[in-house]
Full PDB file with SEQRES, HELIX, SHEET, SSBOND, CRYST1, ORIGX, SCALE, CONECT and MASTER records, all heavy atoms in Angstrom:
SEQRES   1 A   38  CYS LEU ASP LYS ILE ARG GLU ILE ALA GLU GLN LEU PRO          
SEQRES   2 A   38  SER ALA HIS THR VAL VAL ILE CYS PRO TYR LEU GLY LEU          
SEQRES   3 A   38  ASP ASN PRO THR GLU GLY ILE ARG GLY GLY VAL THR              
HELIX    1 AA1 LEU A    2  GLU A   10  1                                   9    
SHEET    1 AA1 2 VAL A  18  VAL A  19  0                                        
SHEET    2 AA1 2 GLY A  36  VAL A  37  1                                        
CRYST1    1.000    1.000    1.000  90.00  90.00  90.00 P 1           1          
ORIGX1      1.000000  0.000000  0.000000        0.00000                         
ORIGX2      0.000000  1.000000  0.000000        0.00000                         
ORIGX3      0.000000  0.000000  1.000000        0.00000                         
SCALE1      1.000000  0.000000  0.000000        0.00000                         
SCALE2      0.000000  1.000000  0.000000        0.00000                         
SCALE3      0.000000  0.000000  1.000000        0.00000                         
ATOM      1  N   CYS A   1     -55.467 -18.266 -61.408  1.00  0.00           N  
ATOM      2  CA  CYS A   1     -55.649 -18.570 -60.102  1.00  0.00           C  
ATOM      3  C   CYS A   1     -57.195 -18.442 -59.829  1.00  0.00           C  
ATOM      4  O   CYS A   1     -57.633 -18.568 -58.641  1.00  0.00           O  
ATOM      5  CB  CYS A   1     -55.061 -17.488 -59.265  1.00  0.00           C  
ATOM      6  SG  CYS A   1     -53.284 -17.687 -59.079  1.00  0.00           S  
ATOM      7  N   LEU A   2     -58.086 -18.180 -60.921  1.00  0.00           N  
ATOM      8  CA  LEU A   2     -59.391 -17.897 -60.706  1.00  0.00           C  
ATOM      9  C   LEU A   2     -60.149 -19.027 -59.915  1.00  0.00           C  
ATOM     10  O   LEU A   2     -61.096 -18.740 -59.069  1.00  0.00           O  
ATOM     11  CB  LEU A   2     -60.000 -17.358 -61.902  1.00  0.00           C  
ATOM     12  CG  LEU A   2     -59.585 -16.129 -62.537  1.00  0.00           C  
ATOM     13  CD1 LEU A   2     -60.279 -15.772 -63.814  1.00  0.00           C  
ATOM     14  CD2 LEU A   2     -59.662 -14.957 -61.561  1.00  0.00           C  
ATOM     15  N   ASP A   3     -59.955 -20.266 -60.407  1.00  0.00           N  
ATOM     16  CA  ASP A   3     -60.640 -21.481 -59.840  1.00  0.00           C  
ATOM     17  C   ASP A   3     -60.255 -21.585 -58.295  1.00  0.00           C  
ATOM     18  O   ASP A   3     -61.149 -21.870 -57.521  1.00  0.00           O  
ATOM     19  CB  ASP A   3     -60.295 -22.699 -60.517  1.00  0.00           C  
ATOM     20  CG  ASP A   3     -60.989 -22.726 -61.898  1.00  0.00           C  
ATOM     21  OD1 ASP A   3     -61.902 -22.050 -62.159  1.00  0.00           O  
ATOM     22  OD2 ASP A   3     -60.389 -23.646 -62.741  1.00  0.00           O  
ATOM     23  N   LYS A   4     -59.028 -21.352 -57.933  1.00  0.00           N  
ATOM     24  CA  LYS A   4     -58.567 -21.381 -56.597  1.00  0.00           C  
ATOM     25  C   LYS A   4     -59.273 -20.284 -55.773  1.00  0.00           C  
ATOM     26  O   LYS A   4     -59.726 -20.556 -54.660  1.00  0.00           O  
ATOM     27  CB  LYS A   4     -57.037 -21.271 -56.519  1.00  0.00           C  
ATOM     28  CG  LYS A   4     -56.298 -22.449 -57.126  1.00  0.00           C  
ATOM     29  CD  LYS A   4     -54.804 -22.502 -56.739  1.00  0.00           C  
ATOM     30  CE  LYS A   4     -54.095 -21.367 -57.449  1.00  0.00           C  
ATOM     31  NZ  LYS A   4     -52.508 -21.563 -57.111  1.00  0.00           N  
ATOM     32  N   ILE A   5     -59.297 -19.063 -56.418  1.00  0.00           N  
ATOM     33  CA  ILE A   5     -59.980 -17.960 -55.564  1.00  0.00           C  
ATOM     34  C   ILE A   5     -61.487 -18.289 -55.380  1.00  0.00           C  
ATOM     35  O   ILE A   5     -62.053 -17.924 -54.259  1.00  0.00           O  
ATOM     36  CB  ILE A   5     -59.802 -16.576 -56.454  1.00  0.00           C  
ATOM     37  CG1 ILE A   5     -58.325 -16.323 -56.501  1.00  0.00           C  
ATOM     38  CG2 ILE A   5     -60.591 -15.606 -55.703  1.00  0.00           C  
ATOM     39  CD1 ILE A   5     -58.002 -15.243 -57.562  1.00  0.00           C  
ATOM     40  N   ARG A   6     -62.026 -18.817 -56.327  1.00  0.00           N  
ATOM     41  CA  ARG A   6     -63.617 -19.193 -56.167  1.00  0.00           C  
ATOM     42  C   ARG A   6     -63.664 -20.080 -54.959  1.00  0.00           C  
ATOM     43  O   ARG A   6     -64.592 -19.910 -54.081  1.00  0.00           O  
ATOM     44  CB  ARG A   6     -64.139 -19.763 -57.477  1.00  0.00           C  
ATOM     45  CG  ARG A   6     -64.308 -18.972 -58.639  1.00  0.00           C  
ATOM     46  CD  ARG A   6     -65.054 -19.542 -59.664  1.00  0.00           C  
ATOM     47  NE  ARG A   6     -64.965 -18.717 -60.981  1.00  0.00           N  
ATOM     48  CZ  ARG A   6     -64.072 -18.814 -61.893  1.00  0.00           C  
ATOM     49  NH1 ARG A   6     -63.214 -19.795 -61.863  1.00  0.00           N  
ATOM     50  NH2 ARG A   6     -64.034 -17.971 -62.925  1.00  0.00           N  
ATOM     51  N   GLU A   7     -62.839 -21.053 -54.778  1.00  0.00           N  
ATOM     52  CA  GLU A   7     -62.886 -22.088 -53.676  1.00  0.00           C  
ATOM     53  C   GLU A   7     -62.543 -21.394 -52.417  1.00  0.00           C  
ATOM     54  O   GLU A   7     -63.250 -21.576 -51.389  1.00  0.00           O  
ATOM     55  CB  GLU A   7     -61.988 -23.224 -54.015  1.00  0.00           C  
ATOM     56  CG  GLU A   7     -61.945 -24.279 -52.885  1.00  0.00           C  
ATOM     57  CD  GLU A   7     -61.108 -25.536 -53.222  1.00  0.00           C  
ATOM     58  OE1 GLU A   7     -60.756 -25.617 -54.496  1.00  0.00           O  
ATOM     59  OE2 GLU A   7     -60.854 -26.304 -52.301  1.00  0.00           O  
ATOM     60  N   ILE A   8     -61.593 -20.522 -52.476  1.00  0.00           N  
ATOM     61  CA  ILE A   8     -61.143 -19.756 -51.285  1.00  0.00           C  
ATOM     62  C   ILE A   8     -62.244 -18.907 -50.762  1.00  0.00           C  
ATOM     63  O   ILE A   8     -62.593 -18.856 -49.566  1.00  0.00           O  
ATOM     64  CB  ILE A   8     -59.788 -19.141 -51.502  1.00  0.00           C  
ATOM     65  CG1 ILE A   8     -58.660 -20.005 -51.693  1.00  0.00           C  
ATOM     66  CG2 ILE A   8     -59.499 -18.115 -50.223  1.00  0.00           C  
ATOM     67  CD1 ILE A   8     -57.418 -19.316 -52.343  1.00  0.00           C  
ATOM     68  N   ALA A   9     -62.792 -18.134 -51.580  1.00  0.00           N  
ATOM     69  CA  ALA A   9     -63.840 -17.163 -51.198  1.00  0.00           C  
ATOM     70  C   ALA A   9     -65.072 -17.809 -50.588  1.00  0.00           C  
ATOM     71  O   ALA A   9     -65.664 -17.346 -49.654  1.00  0.00           O  
ATOM     72  CB  ALA A   9     -64.376 -16.434 -52.492  1.00  0.00           C  
ATOM     73  N   GLU A  10     -65.429 -19.012 -51.081  1.00  0.00           N  
ATOM     74  CA  GLU A  10     -66.512 -19.669 -50.561  1.00  0.00           C  
ATOM     75  C   GLU A  10     -66.249 -20.128 -49.092  1.00  0.00           C  
ATOM     76  O   GLU A  10     -67.179 -20.271 -48.277  1.00  0.00           O  
ATOM     77  CB  GLU A  10     -66.922 -20.871 -51.425  1.00  0.00           C  
ATOM     78  CG  GLU A  10     -67.490 -20.561 -52.773  1.00  0.00           C  
ATOM     79  CD  GLU A  10     -68.826 -19.701 -52.594  1.00  0.00           C  
ATOM     80  OE1 GLU A  10     -69.670 -20.078 -51.519  1.00  0.00           O  
ATOM     81  OE2 GLU A  10     -69.097 -18.886 -53.334  1.00  0.00           O  
ATOM     82  N   GLN A  11     -65.032 -20.407 -48.735  1.00  0.00           N  
ATOM     83  CA  GLN A  11     -64.702 -20.896 -47.400  1.00  0.00           C  
ATOM     84  C   GLN A  11     -64.103 -19.836 -46.493  1.00  0.00           C  
ATOM     85  O   GLN A  11     -63.599 -20.184 -45.469  1.00  0.00           O  
ATOM     86  CB  GLN A  11     -63.709 -22.189 -47.541  1.00  0.00           C  
ATOM     87  CG  GLN A  11     -64.379 -23.318 -48.405  1.00  0.00           C  
ATOM     88  CD  GLN A  11     -63.453 -24.515 -48.429  1.00  0.00           C  
ATOM     89  OE1 GLN A  11     -63.153 -25.095 -47.455  1.00  0.00           O  
ATOM     90  NE2 GLN A  11     -63.003 -24.791 -49.642  1.00  0.00           N  
ATOM     91  N   LEU A  12     -64.165 -18.558 -46.990  1.00  0.00           N  
ATOM     92  CA  LEU A  12     -63.522 -17.482 -46.245  1.00  0.00           C  
ATOM     93  C   LEU A  12     -64.721 -16.515 -45.981  1.00  0.00           C  
ATOM     94  O   LEU A  12     -64.643 -15.420 -46.527  1.00  0.00           O  
ATOM     95  CB  LEU A  12     -62.366 -16.836 -46.974  1.00  0.00           C  
ATOM     96  CG  LEU A  12     -61.398 -16.120 -46.083  1.00  0.00           C  
ATOM     97  CD1 LEU A  12     -60.652 -17.018 -44.964  1.00  0.00           C  
ATOM     98  CD2 LEU A  12     -60.275 -15.452 -47.050  1.00  0.00           C  
ATOM     99  N   PRO A  13     -65.686 -16.885 -45.202  1.00  0.00           N  
ATOM    100  CA  PRO A  13     -66.862 -16.001 -45.073  1.00  0.00           C  
ATOM    101  C   PRO A  13     -66.609 -14.619 -44.469  1.00  0.00           C  
ATOM    102  O   PRO A  13     -67.383 -13.746 -44.811  1.00  0.00           O  
ATOM    103  CB  PRO A  13     -67.799 -16.836 -44.143  1.00  0.00           C  
ATOM    104  CG  PRO A  13     -66.904 -17.719 -43.367  1.00  0.00           C  
ATOM    105  CD  PRO A  13     -65.761 -18.179 -44.331  1.00  0.00           C  
ATOM    106  N   SER A  14     -65.543 -14.521 -43.800  1.00  0.00           N  
ATOM    107  CA  SER A  14     -65.330 -13.188 -43.136  1.00  0.00           C  
ATOM    108  C   SER A  14     -64.983 -12.061 -44.313  1.00  0.00           C  
ATOM    109  O   SER A  14     -65.171 -10.797 -43.930  1.00  0.00           O  
ATOM    110  CB  SER A  14     -64.056 -13.221 -42.203  1.00  0.00           C  
ATOM    111  OG  SER A  14     -62.876 -13.582 -42.871  1.00  0.00           O  
ATOM    112  N   ALA A  15     -64.447 -12.518 -45.390  1.00  0.00           N  
ATOM    113  CA  ALA A  15     -64.055 -11.561 -46.532  1.00  0.00           C  
ATOM    114  C   ALA A  15     -65.313 -11.092 -47.253  1.00  0.00           C  
ATOM    115  O   ALA A  15     -65.795 -11.910 -48.127  1.00  0.00           O  
ATOM    116  CB  ALA A  15     -63.108 -12.227 -47.428  1.00  0.00           C  
ATOM    117  N   HIS A  16     -65.832  -9.928 -47.002  1.00  0.00           N  
ATOM    118  CA  HIS A  16     -66.953  -9.390 -47.618  1.00  0.00           C  
ATOM    119  C   HIS A  16     -66.684  -8.952 -49.107  1.00  0.00           C  
ATOM    120  O   HIS A  16     -67.647  -8.735 -49.954  1.00  0.00           O  
ATOM    121  CB  HIS A  16     -67.723  -8.367 -46.780  1.00  0.00           C  
ATOM    122  CG  HIS A  16     -66.854  -7.209 -46.483  1.00  0.00           C  
ATOM    123  ND1 HIS A  16     -66.256  -6.285 -47.348  1.00  0.00           N  
ATOM    124  CD2 HIS A  16     -66.533  -6.720 -45.290  1.00  0.00           C  
ATOM    125  CE1 HIS A  16     -65.563  -5.397 -46.672  1.00  0.00           C  
ATOM    126  NE2 HIS A  16     -65.679  -5.592 -45.391  1.00  0.00           N  
ATOM    127  N   THR A  17     -65.324  -8.701 -49.353  1.00  0.00           N  
ATOM    128  CA  THR A  17     -64.928  -8.095 -50.702  1.00  0.00           C  
ATOM    129  C   THR A  17     -63.758  -8.991 -51.104  1.00  0.00           C  
ATOM    130  O   THR A  17     -62.694  -9.067 -50.357  1.00  0.00           O  
ATOM    131  CB  THR A  17     -64.654  -6.690 -50.463  1.00  0.00           C  
ATOM    132  OG1 THR A  17     -65.746  -5.941 -50.066  1.00  0.00           O  
ATOM    133  CG2 THR A  17     -64.190  -6.096 -51.939  1.00  0.00           C  
ATOM    134  N   VAL A  18     -63.739  -9.433 -52.284  1.00  0.00           N  
ATOM    135  CA  VAL A  18     -62.618 -10.134 -52.914  1.00  0.00           C  
ATOM    136  C   VAL A  18     -62.229  -9.228 -54.236  1.00  0.00           C  
ATOM    137  O   VAL A  18     -63.033  -9.191 -55.141  1.00  0.00           O  
ATOM    138  CB  VAL A  18     -62.914 -11.571 -53.382  1.00  0.00           C  
ATOM    139  CG1 VAL A  18     -61.665 -12.172 -54.048  1.00  0.00           C  
ATOM    140  CG2 VAL A  18     -63.423 -12.399 -52.077  1.00  0.00           C  
ATOM    141  N   VAL A  19     -61.042  -8.558 -54.083  1.00  0.00           N  
ATOM    142  CA  VAL A  19     -60.596  -7.758 -55.093  1.00  0.00           C  
ATOM    143  C   VAL A  19     -59.806  -8.416 -55.982  1.00  0.00           C  
ATOM    144  O   VAL A  19     -58.622  -8.909 -55.621  1.00  0.00           O  
ATOM    145  CB  VAL A  19     -59.871  -6.490 -54.423  1.00  0.00           C  
ATOM    146  CG1 VAL A  19     -59.517  -5.463 -55.583  1.00  0.00           C  
ATOM    147  CG2 VAL A  19     -60.706  -5.732 -53.471  1.00  0.00           C  
ATOM    148  N   ILE A  20     -60.118  -8.590 -57.323  1.00  0.00           N  
ATOM    149  CA  ILE A  20     -59.274  -9.281 -58.309  1.00  0.00           C  
ATOM    150  C   ILE A  20     -58.469  -8.219 -58.896  1.00  0.00           C  
ATOM    151  O   ILE A  20     -58.881  -7.345 -59.696  1.00  0.00           O  
ATOM    152  CB  ILE A  20     -60.235  -9.982 -59.303  1.00  0.00           C  
ATOM    153  CG1 ILE A  20     -61.154 -10.938 -58.568  1.00  0.00           C  
ATOM    154  CG2 ILE A  20     -59.364 -10.840 -60.360  1.00  0.00           C  
ATOM    155  CD1 ILE A  20     -60.534 -11.896 -57.687  1.00  0.00           C  
ATOM    156  N   CYS A  21     -57.100  -8.534 -58.900  1.00  0.00           N  
ATOM    157  CA  CYS A  21     -56.156  -7.624 -59.448  1.00  0.00           C  
ATOM    158  C   CYS A  21     -55.567  -8.198 -60.789  1.00  0.00           C  
ATOM    159  O   CYS A  21     -55.221  -9.318 -60.787  1.00  0.00           O  
ATOM    160  CB  CYS A  21     -54.934  -7.340 -58.494  1.00  0.00           C  
ATOM    161  SG  CYS A  21     -55.464  -6.644 -56.857  1.00  0.00           S  
ATOM    162  N   PRO A  22     -55.636  -7.400 -61.855  1.00  0.00           N  
ATOM    163  CA  PRO A  22     -55.331  -7.940 -63.241  1.00  0.00           C  
ATOM    164  C   PRO A  22     -53.761  -8.070 -63.316  1.00  0.00           C  
ATOM    165  O   PRO A  22     -52.935  -7.192 -62.991  1.00  0.00           O  
ATOM    166  CB  PRO A  22     -55.786  -6.824 -64.148  1.00  0.00           C  
ATOM    167  CG  PRO A  22     -55.790  -5.494 -63.328  1.00  0.00           C  
ATOM    168  CD  PRO A  22     -56.091  -5.898 -61.974  1.00  0.00           C  
ATOM    169  N   TYR A  23     -53.393  -9.294 -63.662  1.00  0.00           N  
ATOM    170  CA  TYR A  23     -51.950  -9.444 -63.993  1.00  0.00           C  
ATOM    171  C   TYR A  23     -51.912 -10.304 -65.282  1.00  0.00           C  
ATOM    172  O   TYR A  23     -51.271  -9.839 -66.235  1.00  0.00           O  
ATOM    173  CB  TYR A  23     -51.407 -10.331 -62.845  1.00  0.00           C  
ATOM    174  CG  TYR A  23     -49.865 -10.557 -62.864  1.00  0.00           C  
ATOM    175  CD1 TYR A  23     -49.015  -9.601 -63.643  1.00  0.00           C  
ATOM    176  CD2 TYR A  23     -49.256 -11.540 -62.188  1.00  0.00           C  
ATOM    177  CE1 TYR A  23     -47.684  -9.829 -63.758  1.00  0.00           C  
ATOM    178  CE2 TYR A  23     -47.848 -11.767 -62.301  1.00  0.00           C  
ATOM    179  CZ  TYR A  23     -47.027 -10.879 -63.012  1.00  0.00           C  
ATOM    180  OH  TYR A  23     -45.742 -11.097 -63.085  1.00  0.00           O  
ATOM    181  N   LEU A  24     -52.549 -11.320 -65.386  1.00  0.00           N  
ATOM    182  CA  LEU A  24     -52.675 -12.076 -66.781  1.00  0.00           C  
ATOM    183  C   LEU A  24     -53.643 -11.441 -67.692  1.00  0.00           C  
ATOM    184  O   LEU A  24     -53.626 -11.591 -68.956  1.00  0.00           O  
ATOM    185  CB  LEU A  24     -53.170 -13.496 -66.598  1.00  0.00           C  
ATOM    186  CG  LEU A  24     -52.262 -14.327 -65.712  1.00  0.00           C  
ATOM    187  CD1 LEU A  24     -52.867 -15.842 -65.704  1.00  0.00           C  
ATOM    188  CD2 LEU A  24     -50.856 -14.372 -66.034  1.00  0.00           C  
ATOM    189  N   GLY A  25     -54.538 -10.577 -67.148  1.00  0.00           N  
ATOM    190  CA  GLY A  25     -55.569  -9.881 -67.933  1.00  0.00           C  
ATOM    191  C   GLY A  25     -56.714 -10.802 -68.404  1.00  0.00           C  
ATOM    192  O   GLY A  25     -57.184 -10.698 -69.547  1.00  0.00           O  
ATOM    193  N   LEU A  26     -57.100 -11.650 -67.649  1.00  0.00           N  
ATOM    194  CA  LEU A  26     -58.177 -12.741 -67.968  1.00  0.00           C  
ATOM    195  C   LEU A  26     -59.498 -12.085 -68.143  1.00  0.00           C  
ATOM    196  O   LEU A  26     -59.815 -11.160 -67.312  1.00  0.00           O  
ATOM    197  CB  LEU A  26     -58.110 -13.800 -67.021  1.00  0.00           C  
ATOM    198  CG  LEU A  26     -56.825 -14.644 -66.851  1.00  0.00           C  
ATOM    199  CD1 LEU A  26     -56.989 -15.675 -65.735  1.00  0.00           C  
ATOM    200  CD2 LEU A  26     -56.431 -15.255 -68.161  1.00  0.00           C  
ATOM    201  N   ASP A  27     -60.228 -12.552 -68.936  1.00  0.00           N  
ATOM    202  CA  ASP A  27     -61.640 -12.060 -69.175  1.00  0.00           C  
ATOM    203  C   ASP A  27     -62.547 -12.538 -68.000  1.00  0.00           C  
ATOM    204  O   ASP A  27     -62.501 -13.556 -67.401  1.00  0.00           O  
ATOM    205  CB  ASP A  27     -62.259 -12.581 -70.535  1.00  0.00           C  
ATOM    206  CG  ASP A  27     -61.507 -12.036 -71.721  1.00  0.00           C  
ATOM    207  OD1 ASP A  27     -60.964 -10.985 -71.689  1.00  0.00           O  
ATOM    208  OD2 ASP A  27     -61.530 -12.753 -72.727  1.00  0.00           O  
ATOM    209  N   ASN A  28     -63.551 -11.648 -67.688  1.00  0.00           N  
ATOM    210  CA  ASN A  28     -64.620 -11.924 -66.685  1.00  0.00           C  
ATOM    211  C   ASN A  28     -63.914 -12.434 -65.423  1.00  0.00           C  
ATOM    212  O   ASN A  28     -64.368 -13.550 -64.918  1.00  0.00           O  
ATOM    213  CB  ASN A  28     -65.597 -13.035 -67.214  1.00  0.00           C  
ATOM    214  CG  ASN A  28     -66.320 -12.470 -68.482  1.00  0.00           C  
ATOM    215  OD1 ASN A  28     -66.727 -11.275 -68.582  1.00  0.00           O  
ATOM    216  ND2 ASN A  28     -66.367 -13.359 -69.603  1.00  0.00           N  
ATOM    217  N   PRO A  29     -62.978 -11.839 -64.774  1.00  0.00           N  
ATOM    218  CA  PRO A  29     -62.327 -12.634 -63.671  1.00  0.00           C  
ATOM    219  C   PRO A  29     -63.081 -12.564 -62.431  1.00  0.00           C  
ATOM    220  O   PRO A  29     -62.696 -13.422 -61.533  1.00  0.00           O  
ATOM    221  CB  PRO A  29     -61.109 -11.433 -63.457  1.00  0.00           C  
ATOM    222  CG  PRO A  29     -61.624 -10.079 -63.965  1.00  0.00           C  
ATOM    223  CD  PRO A  29     -62.513 -10.430 -65.092  1.00  0.00           C  
ATOM    224  N   THR A  30     -64.214 -11.891 -62.164  1.00  0.00           N  
ATOM    225  CA  THR A  30     -64.907 -11.919 -60.981  1.00  0.00           C  
ATOM    226  C   THR A  30     -66.044 -13.004 -61.106  1.00  0.00           C  
ATOM    227  O   THR A  30     -66.756 -13.217 -60.153  1.00  0.00           O  
ATOM    228  CB  THR A  30     -65.538 -10.541 -60.582  1.00  0.00           C  
ATOM    229  OG1 THR A  30     -66.323 -10.161 -61.662  1.00  0.00           O  
ATOM    230  CG2 THR A  30     -64.448  -9.559 -60.313  1.00  0.00           C  
ATOM    231  N   GLU A  31     -66.233 -13.578 -62.267  1.00  0.00           N  
ATOM    232  CA  GLU A  31     -67.387 -14.465 -62.513  1.00  0.00           C  
ATOM    233  C   GLU A  31     -67.319 -15.586 -61.555  1.00  0.00           C  
ATOM    234  O   GLU A  31     -66.295 -16.309 -61.425  1.00  0.00           O  
ATOM    235  CB  GLU A  31     -67.407 -15.035 -63.921  1.00  0.00           C  
ATOM    236  CG  GLU A  31     -68.567 -15.867 -64.317  1.00  0.00           C  
ATOM    237  CD  GLU A  31     -68.488 -16.328 -65.734  1.00  0.00           C  
ATOM    238  OE1 GLU A  31     -67.768 -15.776 -66.418  1.00  0.00           O  
ATOM    239  OE2 GLU A  31     -69.206 -17.208 -66.048  1.00  0.00           O  
ATOM    240  N   GLY A  32     -68.417 -15.802 -60.781  1.00  0.00           N  
ATOM    241  CA  GLY A  32     -68.572 -16.858 -59.771  1.00  0.00           C  
ATOM    242  C   GLY A  32     -67.807 -16.691 -58.509  1.00  0.00           C  
ATOM    243  O   GLY A  32     -67.729 -17.677 -57.700  1.00  0.00           O  
ATOM    244  N   ILE A  33     -67.087 -15.572 -58.216  1.00  0.00           N  
ATOM    245  CA  ILE A  33     -66.428 -15.281 -57.074  1.00  0.00           C  
ATOM    246  C   ILE A  33     -67.302 -14.482 -56.086  1.00  0.00           C  
ATOM    247  O   ILE A  33     -67.695 -13.426 -56.405  1.00  0.00           O  
ATOM    248  CB  ILE A  33     -65.079 -14.539 -57.402  1.00  0.00           C  
ATOM    249  CG1 ILE A  33     -64.343 -15.467 -58.250  1.00  0.00           C  
ATOM    250  CG2 ILE A  33     -64.466 -14.159 -56.089  1.00  0.00           C  
ATOM    251  CD1 ILE A  33     -62.895 -14.765 -58.627  1.00  0.00           C  
ATOM    252  N   ARG A  34     -67.589 -15.104 -54.963  1.00  0.00           N  
ATOM    253  CA  ARG A  34     -68.490 -14.482 -53.925  1.00  0.00           C  
ATOM    254  C   ARG A  34     -67.875 -13.095 -53.476  1.00  0.00           C  
ATOM    255  O   ARG A  34     -66.709 -13.171 -53.131  1.00  0.00           O  
ATOM    256  CB  ARG A  34     -68.617 -15.340 -52.728  1.00  0.00           C  
ATOM    257  CG  ARG A  34     -69.647 -14.831 -51.719  1.00  0.00           C  
ATOM    258  CD  ARG A  34     -69.673 -15.603 -50.379  1.00  0.00           C  
ATOM    259  NE  ARG A  34     -68.257 -15.704 -49.901  1.00  0.00           N  
ATOM    260  CZ  ARG A  34     -67.764 -14.696 -49.044  1.00  0.00           C  
ATOM    261  NH1 ARG A  34     -68.326 -13.645 -48.818  1.00  0.00           N  
ATOM    262  NH2 ARG A  34     -66.473 -15.003 -48.466  1.00  0.00           N  
ATOM    263  N   GLY A  35     -68.454 -12.052 -53.654  1.00  0.00           N  
ATOM    264  CA  GLY A  35     -68.022 -10.767 -53.224  1.00  0.00           C  
ATOM    265  C   GLY A  35     -66.986 -10.205 -54.115  1.00  0.00           C  
ATOM    266  O   GLY A  35     -66.271  -9.177 -53.794  1.00  0.00           O  
ATOM    267  N   GLY A  36     -66.882 -10.769 -55.337  1.00  0.00           N  
ATOM    268  CA  GLY A  36     -65.884 -10.388 -56.288  1.00  0.00           C  
ATOM    269  C   GLY A  36     -66.017  -8.928 -56.872  1.00  0.00           C  
ATOM    270  O   GLY A  36     -67.241  -8.560 -57.215  1.00  0.00           O  
ATOM    271  N   VAL A  37     -64.928  -8.217 -56.950  1.00  0.00           N  
ATOM    272  CA  VAL A  37     -64.943  -6.843 -57.596  1.00  0.00           C  
ATOM    273  C   VAL A  37     -63.556  -6.709 -58.267  1.00  0.00           C  
ATOM    274  O   VAL A  37     -62.463  -7.076 -57.601  1.00  0.00           O  
ATOM    275  CB  VAL A  37     -65.190  -5.858 -56.690  1.00  0.00           C  
ATOM    276  CG1 VAL A  37     -64.270  -5.754 -55.543  1.00  0.00           C  
ATOM    277  CG2 VAL A  37     -65.371  -4.420 -57.285  1.00  0.00           C  
ATOM    278  N   THR A  38     -63.495  -6.074 -59.416  1.00  0.00           N  
ATOM    279  CA  THR A  38     -62.119  -5.830 -59.954  1.00  0.00           C  
ATOM    280  C   THR A  38     -61.442  -4.709 -59.188  1.00  0.00           C  
ATOM    281  O   THR A  38     -62.173  -3.813 -58.656  1.00  0.00           O  
ATOM    282  CB  THR A  38     -62.131  -5.580 -61.398  1.00  0.00           C  
ATOM    283  OG1 THR A  38     -62.822  -4.408 -61.710  1.00  0.00           O  
ATOM    284  CG2 THR A  38     -62.826  -6.662 -62.184  1.00  0.00           C  
TER     285      THR A  38                                                      
MASTER        0    0    0    1    2    0    0    6  284    1    0    3          
END                                                                             
């Protein structure tokens, strides 16, 4: 879902924090995600 989250985060300016929850266990999950934090 990471590509979709990048797009959503850019168009959801109210969200100052985007918390990425591990499920698939992908590497570097917050890369390129505005406000991203694991």
